[in-house]
Amino acid sequence: MKICSACRKEIEIETKIGRRDVCPMCHADLHSCLNCAFHKVSAPKQCIEPVAEMVRDKNKGNFCDYFLFAELGPSRPADAEAEKARKALNDLFKK
């Protein structure tokens, strides 16, 4: 399942994602690091592809030749963990 990293909606795309392709729901760039299977926040350059060039703006369309749209569930495990931590922190400081 392909999920847009911006709006978190499922996208049905059967062709190769091009640099100018956008999400049909929110119009965010699809050929971006945040939608890529090689994107990992804890990796150097936030990419596990060792020869990929560094991309500064991870949510904008780019020219990376290694782009592979990530097949994800409704949320990435790291996003789920971050959301749980954020909720715990908010609960801690609620009055």
Protein backbone atom coordinates (compact mmCIF):
# COMPACT_ATOMS: atom_id res chain seq x y z
CA MET A 1 0.00 0.00 0.00
CA LYS A 2 1.36 3.42 -0.94
CA ILE A 3 0.71 6.18 1.58
CA CYS A 4 1.37 9.89 1.00
CA SER A 5 3.75 11.14 3.68
CA ALA A 6 2.02 14.54 3.78
CA CYS A 7 -1.68 13.67 4.14
CA ARG A 8 -1.30 9.99 5.17
CA LYS A 9 -3.95 8.94 2.61
CA GLU A 10 -3.64 5.79 0.52
CA ILE A 11 -2.64 6.40 -3.09
CA GLU A 12 -3.37 4.09 -5.99
CA ILE A 13 -0.59 4.57 -8.53
CA GLU A 14 0.40 1.80 -10.88
CA THR A 15 3.04 3.61 -12.91
CA LYS A 16 6.53 4.75 -11.99
CA ILE A 17 6.52 7.91 -9.86
CA GLY A 18 8.03 10.87 -11.71
CA ARG A 19 9.70 13.91 -10.23
CA ARG A 20 6.68 16.13 -10.90
CA ASP A 21 3.98 13.71 -9.72
CA VAL A 22 1.85 14.95 -6.85
CA CYS A 23 -0.62 13.40 -4.43
CA PRO A 24 -4.15 13.53 -5.87
CA MET A 25 -5.55 14.49 -2.44
CA CYS A 26 -3.13 17.09 -1.02
CA HIS A 27 -0.92 17.92 -4.04
CA ALA A 28 2.31 17.20 -2.13
CA ASP A 29 5.32 15.98 -4.14
CA LEU A 30 5.39 12.18 -4.31
CA HIS A 31 8.99 11.75 -5.54
CA SER A 32 10.41 12.89 -2.20
CA CYS A 33 12.63 11.36 0.45
CA LEU A 34 9.75 11.06 2.92
CA ASN A 35 7.95 8.70 0.51
CA CYS A 36 11.05 6.65 -0.32
CA ALA A 37 11.76 3.13 0.90
CA PHE A 38 15.39 4.13 1.54
CA HIS A 39 14.50 7.04 3.88
CA LYS A 40 15.51 6.43 7.48
CA VAL A 41 15.85 9.29 9.98
CA SER A 42 18.69 7.67 11.94
CA ALA A 43 20.85 6.93 8.87
CA PRO A 44 23.57 9.26 7.56
CA LYS A 45 21.95 11.77 5.17
CA GLN A 46 18.68 10.14 6.38
CA CYS A 47 19.07 7.58 3.58
CA ILE A 48 20.13 3.94 3.73
CA GLU A 49 21.19 3.97 0.06
CA PRO A 50 24.97 4.48 0.48
CA VAL A 51 25.70 6.21 -2.84
CA ALA A 52 22.67 8.52 -3.00
CA GLU A 53 23.42 12.23 -2.92
CA MET A 54 22.25 14.26 0.05
CA VAL A 55 18.88 15.93 -0.37
CA ARG A 56 18.33 18.90 1.93
CA ASP A 57 14.55 19.30 1.72
CA LYS A 58 13.20 15.79 2.35
CA ASN A 59 9.55 16.60 1.61
CA LYS A 60 10.10 18.26 -1.79
CA GLY A 61 10.38 16.51 -5.15
CA ASN A 62 13.94 15.61 -6.11
CA PHE A 63 16.00 13.97 -8.85
CA CYS A 64 17.28 10.97 -6.87
CA ASP A 65 17.76 7.98 -9.18
CA TYR A 66 17.38 5.53 -6.28
CA PHE A 67 13.83 6.58 -5.37
CA LEU A 68 11.55 3.64 -4.64
CA PHE A 69 8.09 4.43 -3.30
CA ALA A 70 7.77 2.86 0.14
CA GLU A 71 5.08 0.25 0.58
CA LEU A 72 3.70 1.10 4.01
CA GLY A 73 0.83 0.47 6.30
CA PRO A 74 -1.19 3.37 7.70
CA SER A 75 1.83 4.71 9.59
CA ARG A 76 5.53 4.06 9.79
CA PRO A 77 6.74 2.32 12.98
CA ALA A 78 8.93 5.32 13.81
CA ASP A 79 5.94 7.64 13.40
CA ALA A 80 3.84 5.45 15.68
CA GLU A 81 6.57 5.45 18.34
CA ALA A 82 6.97 9.21 18.07
CA GLU A 83 3.22 9.69 18.39
CA LYS A 84 3.12 7.47 21.51
CA ALA A 85 5.99 9.46 23.05
CA ARG A 86 4.32 12.77 22.20
CA LYS A 87 1.04 11.61 23.77
CA ALA A 88 2.84 10.46 26.93
CA LEU A 89 4.60 13.81 27.21
CA ASN A 90 1.37 15.74 26.68
CA ASP A 91 -0.42 13.58 29.28
CA LEU A 92 2.39 14.25 31.75
CA PHE A 93 1.97 18.02 31.53
CA LYS A 94 -1.84 18.23 31.37
CA LYS A 95 -3.48 20.07 34.24
